[in-house]
Amino acid sequence: MKVKDMLGQIEKLFGRVPERYMLALVNDGLEEIGITKQHKRDEVKTDLIQNQRWYPLDDNIIDIIRVEIKDTNDRYSMIPKLTDPHQLIKEDEY
């Protein structure tokens, strides 16, 4: 649906409203959607497999903030982020 069509439907329901006011409302809504999209976070859990170092990620993942592993005492240990990718061992690269 285009913005023009949406404004036309709103005018049919609520009567004539200044176009600038309507566009300001649409822009506010779009900004709110953008903020929600930028700050959306999900928590994903996966089971570890013995001797497996690399795990596939979904295509919709943009950034990984932190990784934690649950040990045998039911405590989570945080895995530090690798800051220097040059330190990867050649055999470990995919």
PDB file of N, CA and C in Angstrom:
ATOM      1  N   MET A   1       0.848  -1.176   0.000  1.00  0.00           N
ATOM      2  CA  MET A   1       0.000   0.000   0.000  1.00  0.00           C
ATOM      3  C   MET A   1       0.894   1.240   0.000  1.00  0.00           C
ATOM      4  N   LYS A   2       0.598   2.164  -0.859  1.00  0.00           N
ATOM      5  CA  LYS A   2       1.366   3.401  -0.952  1.00  0.00           C
ATOM      6  C   LYS A   2       0.848   4.407   0.068  1.00  0.00           C
ATOM      7  N   VAL A   3       1.705   5.366   0.398  1.00  0.00           N
ATOM      8  CA  VAL A   3       1.342   6.392   1.385  1.00  0.00           C
ATOM      9  C   VAL A   3       0.127   7.182   0.905  1.00  0.00           C
ATOM     10  N   LYS A   4       0.090   7.490  -0.376  1.00  0.00           N
ATOM     11  CA  LYS A   4      -1.035   8.253  -0.927  1.00  0.00           C
ATOM     12  C   LYS A   4      -2.356   7.504  -0.735  1.00  0.00           C
ATOM     13  N   ASP A   5      -2.345   6.188  -0.979  1.00  0.00           N
ATOM     14  CA  ASP A   5      -3.555   5.378  -0.787  1.00  0.00           C
ATOM     15  C   ASP A   5      -3.967   5.342   0.674  1.00  0.00           C
ATOM     16  N   MET A   6      -2.976   5.220   1.556  1.00  0.00           N
ATOM     17  CA  MET A   6      -3.269   5.175   2.979  1.00  0.00           C
ATOM     18  C   MET A   6      -3.882   6.495   3.448  1.00  0.00           C
ATOM     19  N   LEU A   7      -3.323   7.617   2.983  1.00  0.00           N
ATOM     20  CA  LEU A   7      -3.875   8.913   3.361  1.00  0.00           C
ATOM     21  C   LEU A   7      -5.305   9.074   2.851  1.00  0.00           C
ATOM     22  N   GLY A   8      -5.573   8.573   1.650  1.00  0.00           N
ATOM     23  CA  GLY A   8      -6.928   8.638   1.103  1.00  0.00           C
ATOM     24  C   GLY A   8      -7.918   7.846   1.946  1.00  0.00           C
ATOM     25  N   GLN A   9      -7.527   6.666   2.403  1.00  0.00           N
ATOM     26  CA  GLN A   9      -8.416   5.858   3.247  1.00  0.00           C
ATOM     27  C   GLN A   9      -8.667   6.526   4.596  1.00  0.00           C
ATOM     28  N   ILE A  10      -7.624   7.145   5.155  1.00  0.00           N
ATOM     29  CA  ILE A  10      -7.801   7.836   6.444  1.00  0.00           C
ATOM     30  C   ILE A  10      -8.742   9.016   6.267  1.00  0.00           C
ATOM     31  N   GLU A  11      -8.620   9.747   5.155  1.00  0.00           N
ATOM     32  CA  GLU A  11      -9.520  10.874   4.911  1.00  0.00           C
ATOM     33  C   GLU A  11     -10.965  10.413   4.764  1.00  0.00           C
ATOM     34  N   LYS A  12     -11.176   9.242   4.162  1.00  0.00           N
ATOM     35  CA  LYS A  12     -12.543   8.719   4.045  1.00  0.00           C
ATOM     36  C   LYS A  12     -13.128   8.402   5.418  1.00  0.00           C
ATOM     37  N   LEU A  13     -12.301   7.873   6.300  1.00  0.00           N
ATOM     38  CA  LEU A  13     -12.785   7.487   7.631  1.00  0.00           C
ATOM     39  C   LEU A  13     -12.960   8.684   8.564  1.00  0.00           C
ATOM     40  N   PHE A  14     -11.983   9.607   8.574  1.00  0.00           N
ATOM     41  CA  PHE A  14     -11.978  10.662   9.590  1.00  0.00           C
ATOM     42  C   PHE A  14     -12.173  12.064   9.037  1.00  0.00           C
ATOM     43  N   GLY A  15     -12.366  12.182   7.729  1.00  0.00           N
ATOM     44  CA  GLY A  15     -12.565  13.504   7.144  1.00  0.00           C
ATOM     45  C   GLY A  15     -11.255  14.134   6.702  1.00  0.00           C
ATOM     46  N   ARG A  16     -11.375  15.317   6.149  1.00  0.00           N
ATOM     47  CA  ARG A  16     -10.207  16.025   5.584  1.00  0.00           C
ATOM     48  C   ARG A  16      -9.281  16.482   6.691  1.00  0.00           C
ATOM     49  N   VAL A  17      -7.996  16.175   6.515  1.00  0.00           N
ATOM     50  CA  VAL A  17      -6.950  16.568   7.465  1.00  0.00           C
ATOM     51  C   VAL A  17      -5.814  17.158   6.635  1.00  0.00           C
ATOM     52  N   PRO A  18      -5.130  18.200   7.161  1.00  0.00           N
ATOM     53  CA  PRO A  18      -4.018  18.772   6.397  1.00  0.00           C
ATOM     54  C   PRO A  18      -2.958  17.715   6.056  1.00  0.00           C
ATOM     55  N   GLU A  19      -2.480  17.791   4.797  1.00  0.00           N
ATOM     56  CA  GLU A  19      -1.536  16.780   4.304  1.00  0.00           C
ATOM     57  C   GLU A  19      -0.228  16.794   5.097  1.00  0.00           C
ATOM     58  N   ARG A  20       0.247  17.967   5.471  1.00  0.00           N
ATOM     59  CA  ARG A  20       1.487  18.044   6.251  1.00  0.00           C
ATOM     60  C   ARG A  20       1.353  17.320   7.593  1.00  0.00           C
ATOM     61  N   TYR A  21       0.215  17.463   8.218  1.00  0.00           N
ATOM     62  CA  TYR A  21      -0.023  16.789   9.494  1.00  0.00           C
ATOM     63  C   TYR A  21       0.010  15.269   9.304  1.00  0.00           C
ATOM     64  N   MET A  22      -0.642  14.806   8.252  1.00  0.00           N
ATOM     65  CA  MET A  22      -0.678  13.362   7.983  1.00  0.00           C
ATOM     66  C   MET A  22       0.719  12.829   7.677  1.00  0.00           C
ATOM     67  N   LEU A  23       1.500  13.546   6.867  1.00  0.00           N
ATOM     68  CA  LEU A  23       2.850  13.106   6.538  1.00  0.00           C
ATOM     69  C   LEU A  23       3.744  13.119   7.775  1.00  0.00           C
ATOM     70  N   ALA A  24       3.538  14.071   8.674  1.00  0.00           N
ATOM     71  CA  ALA A  24       4.301  14.103   9.923  1.00  0.00           C
ATOM     72  C   ALA A  24       3.988  12.866  10.759  1.00  0.00           C
ATOM     73  N   LEU A  25       2.710  12.475  10.807  1.00  0.00           N
ATOM     74  CA  LEU A  25       2.334  11.263  11.541  1.00  0.00           C
ATOM     75  C   LEU A  25       2.968  10.012  10.918  1.00  0.00           C
ATOM     76  N   VAL A  26       2.966   9.946   9.579  1.00  0.00           N
ATOM     77  CA  VAL A  26       3.570   8.806   8.885  1.00  0.00           C
ATOM     78  C   VAL A  26       5.065   8.758   9.183  1.00  0.00           C
ATOM     79  N   ASN A  27       5.741   9.909   9.119  1.00  0.00           N
ATOM     80  CA  ASN A  27       7.177   9.949   9.416  1.00  0.00           C
ATOM     81  C   ASN A  27       7.469   9.526  10.848  1.00  0.00           C
ATOM     82  N   ASP A  28       6.651   9.969  11.795  1.00  0.00           N
ATOM     83  CA  ASP A  28       6.836   9.546  13.194  1.00  0.00           C
ATOM     84  C   ASP A  28       6.701   8.035  13.330  1.00  0.00           C
ATOM     85  N   GLY A  29       5.719   7.481  12.640  1.00  0.00           N
ATOM     86  CA  GLY A  29       5.532   6.028  12.680  1.00  0.00           C
ATOM     87  C   GLY A  29       6.714   5.283  12.094  1.00  0.00           C
ATOM     88  N   LEU A  30       7.237   5.775  10.969  1.00  0.00           N
ATOM     89  CA  LEU A  30       8.400   5.137  10.343  1.00  0.00           C
ATOM     90  C   LEU A  30       9.638   5.216  11.226  1.00  0.00           C
ATOM     91  N   GLU A  31       9.834   6.356  11.899  1.00  0.00           N
ATOM     92  CA  GLU A  31      10.970   6.489  12.816  1.00  0.00           C
ATOM     93  C   GLU A  31      10.847   5.497  13.969  1.00  0.00           C
ATOM     94  N   GLU A  32       9.638   5.340  14.491  1.00  0.00           N
ATOM     95  CA  GLU A  32       9.424   4.398  15.587  1.00  0.00           C
ATOM     96  C   GLU A  32       9.706   2.966  15.145  1.00  0.00           C
ATOM     97  N   ILE A  33       9.290   2.623  13.942  1.00  0.00           N
ATOM     98  CA  ILE A  33       9.576   1.287  13.401  1.00  0.00           C
ATOM     99  C   ILE A  33      11.077   1.094  13.258  1.00  0.00           C
ATOM    100  N   GLY A  34      11.773   2.122  12.754  1.00  0.00           N
ATOM    101  CA  GLY A  34      13.220   2.037  12.586  1.00  0.00           C
ATOM    102  C   GLY A  34      13.949   1.842  13.900  1.00  0.00           C
ATOM    103  N   ILE A  35      13.532   2.548  14.933  1.00  0.00           N
ATOM    104  CA  ILE A  35      14.155   2.404  16.248  1.00  0.00           C
ATOM    105  C   ILE A  35      13.914   1.010  16.798  1.00  0.00           C
ATOM    106  N   THR A  36      12.717   0.506  16.647  1.00  0.00           N
ATOM    107  CA  THR A  36      12.399  -0.838  17.133  1.00  0.00           C
ATOM    108  C   THR A  36      13.244  -1.877  16.418  1.00  0.00           C
ATOM    109  N   LYS A  37      13.419  -1.744  15.115  1.00  0.00           N
ATOM    110  CA  LYS A  37      14.220  -2.686  14.339  1.00  0.00           C
ATOM    111  C   LYS A  37      15.678  -2.657  14.764  1.00  0.00           C
ATOM    112  N   GLN A  38      16.215  -1.465  15.030  1.00  0.00           N
ATOM    113  CA  GLN A  38      17.624  -1.334  15.374  1.00  0.00           C
ATOM    114  C   GLN A  38      17.948  -1.940  16.721  1.00  0.00           C
ATOM    115  N   HIS A  39      17.017  -1.925  17.632  1.00  0.00           N
ATOM    116  CA  HIS A  39      17.300  -2.359  18.994  1.00  0.00           C
ATOM    117  C   HIS A  39      16.673  -3.705  19.343  1.00  0.00           C
ATOM    118  N   LYS A  40      16.231  -4.425  18.356  1.00  0.00           N
ATOM    119  CA  LYS A  40      15.632  -5.733  18.610  1.00  0.00           C
ATOM    120  C   LYS A  40      16.729  -6.744  18.899  1.00  0.00           C
ATOM    121  N   ARG A  41      16.579  -7.467  19.986  1.00  0.00           N
ATOM    122  CA  ARG A  41      17.550  -8.492  20.360  1.00  0.00           C
ATOM    123  C   ARG A  41      16.823  -9.790  20.628  1.00  0.00           C
ATOM    124  N   ASP A  42      17.460 -10.859  20.242  1.00  0.00           N
ATOM    125  CA  ASP A  42      16.921 -12.185  20.506  1.00  0.00           C
ATOM    126  C   ASP A  42      17.955 -13.001  21.248  1.00  0.00           C
ATOM    127  N   GLU A  43      17.474 -13.907  22.048  1.00  0.00           N
ATOM    128  CA  GLU A  43      18.346 -14.842  22.741  1.00  0.00           C
ATOM    129  C   GLU A  43      18.182 -16.199  22.074  1.00  0.00           C
ATOM    130  N   VAL A  44      19.281 -16.749  21.608  1.00  0.00           N
ATOM    131  CA  VAL A  44      19.249 -18.021  20.891  1.00  0.00           C
ATOM    132  C   VAL A  44      20.079 -19.032  21.651  1.00  0.00           C
ATOM    133  N   LYS A  45      19.538 -20.223  21.817  1.00  0.00           N
ATOM    134  CA  LYS A  45      20.267 -21.292  22.506  1.00  0.00           C
ATOM    135  C   LYS A  45      20.475 -22.449  21.546  1.00  0.00           C
ATOM    136  N   THR A  46      21.627 -23.094  21.668  1.00  0.00           N
ATOM    137  CA  THR A  46      21.927 -24.260  20.853  1.00  0.00           C
ATOM    138  C   THR A  46      22.729 -25.251  21.688  1.00  0.00           C
ATOM    139  N   ASP A  47      22.623 -26.493  21.346  1.00  0.00           N
ATOM    140  CA  ASP A  47      23.394 -27.518  22.049  1.00  0.00           C
ATOM    141  C   ASP A  47      24.768 -27.632  21.420  1.00  0.00           C
ATOM    142  N   LEU A  48      25.773 -27.768  22.276  1.00  0.00           N
ATOM    143  CA  LEU A  48      27.136 -27.918  21.783  1.00  0.00           C
ATOM    144  C   LEU A  48      27.394 -29.368  21.393  1.00  0.00           C
ATOM    145  N   ILE A  49      28.202 -29.533  20.378  1.00  0.00           N
ATOM    146  CA  ILE A  49      28.572 -30.859  19.903  1.00  0.00           C
ATOM    147  C   ILE A  49      30.053 -31.041  20.160  1.00  0.00           C
ATOM    148  N   GLN A  50      30.408 -32.185  20.692  1.00  0.00           N
ATOM    149  CA  GLN A  50      31.795 -32.443  21.051  1.00  0.00           C
ATOM    150  C   GLN A  50      32.691 -32.347  19.812  1.00  0.00           C
ATOM    151  N   ASN A  51      33.830 -31.680  19.980  1.00  0.00           N
ATOM    152  CA  ASN A  51      34.851 -31.485  18.941  1.00  0.00           C
ATOM    153  C   ASN A  51      34.367 -30.664  17.749  1.00  0.00           C
ATOM    154  N   GLN A  52      33.307 -29.913  17.904  1.00  0.00           N
ATOM    155  CA  GLN A  52      32.857 -29.013  16.840  1.00  0.00           C
ATOM    156  C   GLN A  52      33.162 -27.588  17.265  1.00  0.00           C
ATOM    157  N   ARG A  53      33.920 -26.891  16.442  1.00  0.00           N
ATOM    158  CA  ARG A  53      34.337 -25.541  16.798  1.00  0.00           C
ATOM    159  C   ARG A  53      33.443 -24.479  16.165  1.00  0.00           C
ATOM    160  N   TRP A  54      32.994 -24.680  14.945  1.00  0.00           N
ATOM    161  CA  TRP A  54      32.191 -23.691  14.234  1.00  0.00           C
ATOM    162  C   TRP A  54      30.735 -24.157  14.132  1.00  0.00           C
ATOM    163  N   TYR A  55      29.821 -23.217  14.307  1.00  0.00           N
ATOM    164  CA  TYR A  55      28.390 -23.510  14.248  1.00  0.00           C
ATOM    165  C   TYR A  55      27.736 -22.581  13.229  1.00  0.00           C
ATOM    166  N   PRO A  56      26.780 -23.083  12.472  1.00  0.00           N
ATOM    167  CA  PRO A  56      26.111 -22.224  11.480  1.00  0.00           C
ATOM    168  C   PRO A  56      25.217 -21.191  12.171  1.00  0.00           C
ATOM    169  N   LEU A  57      25.079 -20.034  11.547  1.00  0.00           N
ATOM    170  CA  LEU A  57      24.228 -18.964  12.054  1.00  0.00           C
ATOM    171  C   LEU A  57      23.119 -18.692  11.052  1.00  0.00           C
ATOM    172  N   ASP A  58      21.981 -18.234  11.559  1.00  0.00           N
ATOM    173  CA  ASP A  58      20.875 -17.855  10.683  1.00  0.00           C
ATOM    174  C   ASP A  58      21.267 -16.641   9.845  1.00  0.00           C
ATOM    175  N   ASP A  59      20.662 -16.512   8.682  1.00  0.00           N
ATOM    176  CA  ASP A  59      20.953 -15.385   7.794  1.00  0.00           C
ATOM    177  C   ASP A  59      20.467 -14.056   8.362  1.00  0.00           C
ATOM    178  N   ASN A  60      19.493 -14.076   9.269  1.00  0.00           N
ATOM    179  CA  ASN A  60      18.948 -12.824   9.798  1.00  0.00           C
ATOM    180  C   ASN A  60      19.766 -12.264  10.969  1.00  0.00           C
ATOM    181  N   ILE A  61      20.839 -12.914  11.349  1.00  0.00           N
ATOM    182  CA  ILE A  61      21.692 -12.410  12.434  1.00  0.00           C
ATOM    183  C   ILE A  61      22.593 -11.322  11.879  1.00  0.00           C
ATOM    184  N   ILE A  62      22.589 -10.171  12.518  1.00  0.00           N
ATOM    185  CA  ILE A  62      23.398  -9.048  12.084  1.00  0.00           C
ATOM    186  C   ILE A  62      24.647  -8.924  12.948  1.00  0.00           C
ATOM    187  N   ASP A  63      24.490  -9.066  14.251  1.00  0.00           N
ATOM    188  CA  ASP A  63      25.618  -8.876  15.156  1.00  0.00           C
ATOM    189  C   ASP A  63      25.465  -9.805  16.354  1.00  0.00           C
ATOM    190  N   ILE A  64      26.560 -10.340  16.810  1.00  0.00           N
ATOM    191  CA  ILE A  64      26.557 -11.167  18.025  1.00  0.00           C
ATOM    192  C   ILE A  64      27.133 -10.322  19.138  1.00  0.00           C
ATOM    193  N   ILE A  65      26.361 -10.139  20.184  1.00  0.00           N
ATOM    194  CA  ILE A  65      26.787  -9.271  21.279  1.00  0.00           C
ATOM    195  C   ILE A  65      27.617 -10.044  22.293  1.00  0.00           C
ATOM    196  N   ARG A  66      27.167 -11.238  22.636  1.00  0.00           N
ATOM    197  CA  ARG A  66      27.955 -12.041  23.564  1.00  0.00           C
ATOM    198  C   ARG A  66      27.585 -13.507  23.438  1.00  0.00           C
ATOM    199  N   VAL A  67      28.527 -14.350  23.850  1.00  0.00           N
ATOM    200  CA  VAL A  67      28.336 -15.791  23.804  1.00  0.00           C
ATOM    201  C   VAL A  67      28.634 -16.335  25.192  1.00  0.00           C
ATOM    202  N   GLU A  68      27.728 -17.153  25.701  1.00  0.00           N
ATOM    203  CA  GLU A  68      27.913 -17.772  27.012  1.00  0.00           C
ATOM    204  C   GLU A  68      27.719 -19.280  26.880  1.00  0.00           C
ATOM    205  N   ILE A  69      28.487 -20.003  27.657  1.00  0.00           N
ATOM    206  CA  ILE A  69      28.373 -21.460  27.666  1.00  0.00           C
ATOM    207  C   ILE A  69      28.037 -21.900  29.081  1.00  0.00           C
ATOM    208  N   LYS A  70      27.033 -22.773  29.168  1.00  0.00           N
ATOM    209  CA  LYS A  70      26.595 -23.292  30.462  1.00  0.00           C
ATOM    210  C   LYS A  70      27.472 -24.490  30.825  1.00  0.00           C
ATOM    211  N   ASP A  71      28.113 -24.422  31.994  1.00  0.00           N
ATOM    212  CA  ASP A  71      28.989 -25.525  32.390  1.00  0.00           C
ATOM    213  C   ASP A  71      28.211 -26.586  33.168  1.00  0.00           C
ATOM    214  N   THR A  72      28.908 -27.588  33.670  1.00  0.00           N
ATOM    215  CA  THR A  72      28.250 -28.703  34.355  1.00  0.00           C
ATOM    216  C   THR A  72      27.630 -28.295  35.686  1.00  0.00           C
ATOM    217  N   ASN A  73      28.023 -27.145  36.232  1.00  0.00           N
ATOM    218  CA  ASN A  73      27.449 -26.649  37.495  1.00  0.00           C
ATOM    219  C   ASN A  73      26.270 -25.707  37.264  1.00  0.00           C
ATOM    220  N   ASP A  74      25.710 -25.711  36.053  1.00  0.00           N
ATOM    221  CA  ASP A  74      24.590 -24.839  35.676  1.00  0.00           C
ATOM    222  C   ASP A  74      24.926 -23.351  35.806  1.00  0.00           C
ATOM    223  N   ARG A  75      26.190 -23.012  35.606  1.00  0.00           N
ATOM    224  CA  ARG A  75      26.611 -21.606  35.601  1.00  0.00           C
ATOM    225  C   ARG A  75      27.030 -21.243  34.180  1.00  0.00           C
ATOM    226  N   TYR A  76      26.755 -20.011  33.804  1.00  0.00           N
ATOM    227  CA  TYR A  76      27.128 -19.544  32.471  1.00  0.00           C
ATOM    228  C   TYR A  76      28.488 -18.865  32.522  1.00  0.00           C
ATOM    229  N   SER A  77      29.364 -19.220  31.591  1.00  0.00           N
ATOM    230  CA  SER A  77      30.664 -18.582  31.432  1.00  0.00           C
ATOM    231  C   SER A  77      30.648 -17.818  30.119  1.00  0.00           C
ATOM    232  N   MET A  78      31.071 -16.563  30.181  1.00  0.00           N
ATOM    233  CA  MET A  78      31.078 -15.747  28.982  1.00  0.00           C
ATOM    234  C   MET A  78      32.336 -16.027  28.165  1.00  0.00           C
ATOM    235  N   ILE A  79      32.177 -16.161  26.855  1.00  0.00           N
ATOM    236  CA  ILE A  79      33.290 -16.383  25.946  1.00  0.00           C
ATOM    237  C   ILE A  79      33.703 -15.023  25.389  1.00  0.00           C
ATOM    238  N   PRO A  80      34.961 -14.614  25.589  1.00  0.00           N
ATOM    239  CA  PRO A  80      35.372 -13.290  25.085  1.00  0.00           C
ATOM    240  C   PRO A  80      35.397 -13.260  23.559  1.00  0.00           C
ATOM    241  N   LYS A  81      35.103 -12.110  23.029  1.00  0.00           N
ATOM    242  CA  LYS A  81      35.068 -11.924  21.583  1.00  0.00           C
ATOM    243  C   LYS A  81      36.497 -11.879  21.047  1.00  0.00           C
ATOM    244  N   LEU A  82      36.728 -12.512  19.938  1.00  0.00           N
ATOM    245  CA  LEU A  82      38.033 -12.481  19.305  1.00  0.00           C
ATOM    246  C   LEU A  82      38.189 -11.130  18.616  1.00  0.00           C
ATOM    247  N   THR A  83      39.098 -10.293  19.152  1.00  0.00           N
ATOM    248  CA  THR A  83      39.238  -8.937  18.629  1.00  0.00           C
ATOM    249  C   THR A  83      40.177  -8.863  17.440  1.00  0.00           C
ATOM    250  N   ASP A  84      41.098  -9.806  17.318  1.00  0.00           N
ATOM    251  CA  ASP A  84      42.053  -9.785  16.219  1.00  0.00           C
ATOM    252  C   ASP A  84      41.863 -11.030  15.356  1.00  0.00           C
ATOM    253  N   PRO A  85      41.181 -10.907  14.208  1.00  0.00           N
ATOM    254  CA  PRO A  85      40.926 -12.092  13.394  1.00  0.00           C
ATOM    255  C   PRO A  85      42.191 -12.710  12.814  1.00  0.00           C
ATOM    256  N   HIS A  86      43.304 -11.986  12.829  1.00  0.00           N
ATOM    257  CA  HIS A  86      44.561 -12.528  12.309  1.00  0.00           C
ATOM    258  C   HIS A  86      45.138 -13.593  13.226  1.00  0.00           C
ATOM    259  N   GLN A  87      44.624 -13.682  14.446  1.00  0.00           N
ATOM    260  CA  GLN A  87      45.122 -14.678  15.386  1.00  0.00           C
ATOM    261  C   GLN A  87      44.514 -16.056  15.141  1.00  0.00           C
ATOM    262  N   LEU A  88      43.542 -16.139  14.228  1.00  0.00           N
ATOM    263  CA  LEU A  88      42.946 -17.437  13.918  1.00  0.00           C
ATOM    264  C   LEU A  88      44.001 -18.361  13.329  1.00  0.00           C
ATOM    265  N   ILE A  89      43.977 -19.581  13.733  1.00  0.00           N
ATOM    266  CA  ILE A  89      44.887 -20.561  13.169  1.00  0.00           C
ATOM    267  C   ILE A  89      44.381 -20.921  11.779  1.00  0.00           C
ATOM    268  N   LYS A  90      45.276 -21.105  10.818  1.00  0.00           N
ATOM    269  CA  LYS A  90      44.871 -21.368   9.440  1.00  0.00           C
ATOM    270  C   LYS A  90      43.956 -22.581   9.332  1.00  0.00           C
ATOM    271  N   GLU A  91      44.192 -23.610  10.113  1.00  0.00           N
ATOM    272  CA  GLU A  91      43.370 -24.820  10.052  1.00  0.00           C
ATOM    273  C   GLU A  91      41.953 -24.555  10.530  1.00  0.00           C
ATOM    274  N   ASP A  92      41.767 -23.537  11.351  1.00  0.00           N
ATOM    275  CA  ASP A  92      40.450 -23.254  11.931  1.00  0.00           C
ATOM    276  C   ASP A  92      39.568 -22.405  11.009  1.00  0.00           C
ATOM    277  N   GLU A  93      40.144 -21.772  10.034  1.00  0.00           N
ATOM    278  CA  GLU A  93      39.337 -20.931   9.145  1.00  0.00           C
ATOM    279  C   GLU A  93      38.437 -21.819   8.307  1.00  0.00           C
ATOM    280  N   TYR A  94      37.263 -21.322   8.026  1.00  0.00           N
ATOM    281  CA  TYR A  94      36.347 -22.138   7.289  1.00  0.00           C
ATOM    282  C   TYR A  94      36.737 -22.166   5.886  1.00  0.00           C
TER     283      TYR A  94
END
